[in-house]
C-alpha atoms as a PDB file:
ATOM      1  CA  UNK A   1      21.027  13.012   7.882  1.00  0.00           C
ATOM      2  CA  UNK A   2      20.592   9.419   8.998  1.00  0.00           C
ATOM      3  CA  UNK A   3      17.378   7.253   8.718  1.00  0.00           C
ATOM      4  CA  UNK A   4      17.068   7.441  12.585  1.00  0.00           C
ATOM      5  CA  UNK A   5      17.233  11.144  12.351  1.00  0.00           C
ATOM      6  CA  UNK A   6      14.277  11.317   9.950  1.00  0.00           C
ATOM      7  CA  UNK A   7      12.312   8.986  12.113  1.00  0.00           C
ATOM      8  CA  UNK A   8      13.104  11.023  15.161  1.00  0.00           C
ATOM      9  CA  UNK A   9      12.148  14.339  13.659  1.00  0.00           C
ATOM     10  CA  UNK A  10       8.869  12.903  12.669  1.00  0.00           C
ATOM     11  CA  UNK A  11       8.162  11.380  16.000  1.00  0.00           C
ATOM     12  CA  UNK A  12       8.848  14.652  17.807  1.00  0.00           C
ATOM     13  CA  UNK A  13       6.362  16.652  15.829  1.00  0.00           C
ATOM     14  CA  UNK A  14       9.129  18.134  13.574  1.00  0.00           C
ATOM     15  CA  UNK A  15       8.815  18.830   9.827  1.00  0.00           C
ATOM     16  CA  UNK A  16       7.967  15.909   7.619  1.00  0.00           C
ATOM     17  CA  UNK A  17      10.855  14.397   5.736  1.00  0.00           C
ATOM     18  CA  UNK A  18      10.894  14.933   1.960  1.00  0.00           C
ATOM     19  CA  UNK A  19      11.693  12.620  -0.773  1.00  0.00           C
ATOM     20  CA  UNK A  20      15.078  14.282  -1.184  1.00  0.00           C
ATOM     21  CA  UNK A  21      15.872  13.893   2.614  1.00  0.00           C
ATOM     22  CA  UNK A  22      14.917  10.174   2.382  1.00  0.00           C
ATOM     23  CA  UNK A  23      17.137   9.754  -0.810  1.00  0.00           C
ATOM     24  CA  UNK A  24      20.141  11.127   0.966  1.00  0.00           C
ATOM     25  CA  UNK A  25      20.449   7.949   3.019  1.00  0.00           C
ATOM     26  CA  UNK A  26      22.462   5.398   0.720  1.00  0.00           C
ATOM     27  CA  UNK A  27      20.307   2.458   2.039  1.00  0.00           C
ATOM     28  CA  UNK A  28      17.056   4.180   0.997  1.00  0.00           C
ATOM     29  CA  UNK A  29      18.631   5.374  -2.285  1.00  0.00           C
ATOM     30  CA  UNK A  30      19.498   1.814  -3.134  1.00  0.00           C
ATOM     31  CA  UNK A  31      16.156   0.342  -2.129  1.00  0.00           C
ATOM     32  CA  UNK A  32      14.423   3.140  -4.310  1.00  0.00           C
ATOM     33  CA  UNK A  33      16.684   2.222  -7.281  1.00  0.00           C
ATOM     34  CA  UNK A  34      15.753  -1.426  -7.070  1.00  0.00           C
ATOM     35  CA  UNK A  35      12.161  -0.490  -6.750  1.00  0.00           C
ATOM     36  CA  UNK A  36      12.223   1.692  -9.737  1.00  0.00           C
ATOM     37  CA  UNK A  37      14.210  -0.893 -11.796  1.00  0.00           C
ATOM     38  CA  UNK A  38      11.706  -3.685 -11.098  1.00  0.00           C
ATOM     39  CA  UNK A  39       8.907  -1.312 -12.020  1.00  0.00           C
ATOM     40  CA  UNK A  40      10.519  -0.561 -15.471  1.00  0.00           C
ATOM     41  CA  UNK A  41      11.342  -4.325 -16.036  1.00  0.00           C
ATOM     42  CA  UNK A  42       7.763  -5.515 -15.441  1.00  0.00           C
ATOM     43  CA  UNK A  43       6.809  -3.500 -18.521  1.00  0.00           C
ATOM     44  CA  UNK A  44       8.548  -6.017 -20.685  1.00  0.00           C
ATOM     45  CA  UNK A  45       6.233  -8.961 -19.421  1.00  0.00           C
ATOM     46  CA  UNK A  46       2.843  -9.619 -18.381  1.00  0.00           C
ATOM     47  CA  UNK A  47      -0.342  -8.058 -19.716  1.00  0.00           C
ATOM     48  CA  UNK A  48       1.637  -5.273 -21.440  1.00  0.00           C
ATOM     49  CA  UNK A  49       3.380  -7.765 -23.719  1.00  0.00           C
ATOM     50  CA  UNK A  50       0.152  -9.682 -24.478  1.00  0.00           C
ATOM     51  CA  UNK A  51      -1.653  -6.448 -25.377  1.00  0.00           C
ATOM     52  CA  UNK A  52       1.269  -5.026 -27.399  1.00  0.00           C
ATOM     53  CA  UNK A  53       1.636  -8.256 -29.495  1.00  0.00           C
ATOM     54  CA  UNK A  54      -1.970  -9.225 -29.657  1.00  0.00           C
ATOM     55  CA  UNK A  55      -2.600  -7.610 -33.162  1.00  0.00           C
ATOM     56  CA  UNK A  56       0.397  -9.546 -34.592  1.00  0.00           C
ATOM     57  CA  UNK A  57      -0.728 -12.717 -33.066  1.00  0.00           C
ATOM     58  CA  UNK A  58      -4.182 -12.341 -34.325  1.00  0.00           C
ATOM     59  CA  UNK A  59      -2.902 -11.505 -37.845  1.00  0.00           C
ATOM     60  CA  UNK A  60      -0.691 -14.603 -37.848  1.00  0.00           C
ATOM     61  CA  UNK A  61      -3.501 -16.943 -36.872  1.00  0.00           C
ATOM     62  CA  UNK A  62      -5.807 -15.573 -39.597  1.00  0.00           C
ATOM     63  CA  UNK A  63      -8.346 -13.614 -37.722  1.00  0.00           C
ATOM     64  CA  UNK A  64     -10.072 -11.348 -39.995  1.00  0.00           C
ATOM     65  CA  UNK A  65     -10.794  -8.368 -37.895  1.00  0.00           C
ATOM     66  CA  UNK A  66      -7.740  -7.500 -35.663  1.00  0.00           C
ATOM     67  CA  UNK A  67      -9.474  -4.515 -34.209  1.00  0.00           C
ATOM     68  CA  UNK A  68     -12.371  -6.666 -32.848  1.00  0.00           C
ATOM     69  CA  UNK A  69      -9.891  -9.153 -31.557  1.00  0.00           C
ATOM     70  CA  UNK A  70      -7.931  -6.455 -29.793  1.00  0.00           C
ATOM     71  CA  UNK A  71     -11.244  -5.046 -28.282  1.00  0.00           C
ATOM     72  CA  UNK A  72     -11.857  -8.554 -27.105  1.00  0.00           C
ATOM     73  CA  UNK A  73      -8.455  -8.596 -25.296  1.00  0.00           C
ATOM     74  CA  UNK A  74      -8.954  -5.146 -23.665  1.00  0.00           C
ATOM     75  CA  UNK A  75     -12.503  -6.198 -22.552  1.00  0.00           C
ATOM     76  CA  UNK A  76     -11.161  -9.407 -21.025  1.00  0.00           C
ATOM     77  CA  UNK A  77      -8.498  -7.210 -19.326  1.00  0.00           C
ATOM     78  CA  UNK A  78     -11.235  -4.851 -17.942  1.00  0.00           C
ATOM     79  CA  UNK A  79     -13.236  -7.668 -16.663  1.00  0.00           C
ATOM     80  CA  UNK A  80     -10.276  -9.349 -15.010  1.00  0.00           C
ATOM     81  CA  UNK A  81      -9.086  -6.179 -13.377  1.00  0.00           C
ATOM     82  CA  UNK A  82     -12.609  -5.625 -11.929  1.00  0.00           C
ATOM     83  CA  UNK A  83     -12.826  -9.263 -10.560  1.00  0.00           C
ATOM     84  CA  UNK A  84      -9.318  -8.864  -9.002  1.00  0.00           C
ATOM     85  CA  UNK A  85     -10.299  -5.414  -7.484  1.00  0.00           C
ATOM     86  CA  UNK A  86     -13.285  -6.755  -5.744  1.00  0.00           C
ATOM     87  CA  UNK A  87     -11.446  -9.800  -4.456  1.00  0.00           C
ATOM     88  CA  UNK A  88      -8.405  -7.934  -3.320  1.00  0.00           C
ATOM     89  CA  UNK A  89     -10.235  -4.947  -1.730  1.00  0.00           C
END
């Protein structure tokens, strides 16, 4: 099955292509692999890294209550997400 066959079958009212139909095309399979790889790699950077290491950072700088500091980080994350959601949508 080629990518043009998938598009043609959808345009003519044929059955919808499944994920497996799309992944049979080498180009689509490679694009999906790159997308999944980027998704996995982003977990090692950004806000996930900040949240994961926040307790250790707060402990190192001498904050007495790491729980309250972690709650502050989480609350900041929620507020930032809400602001971003309103601006983007």
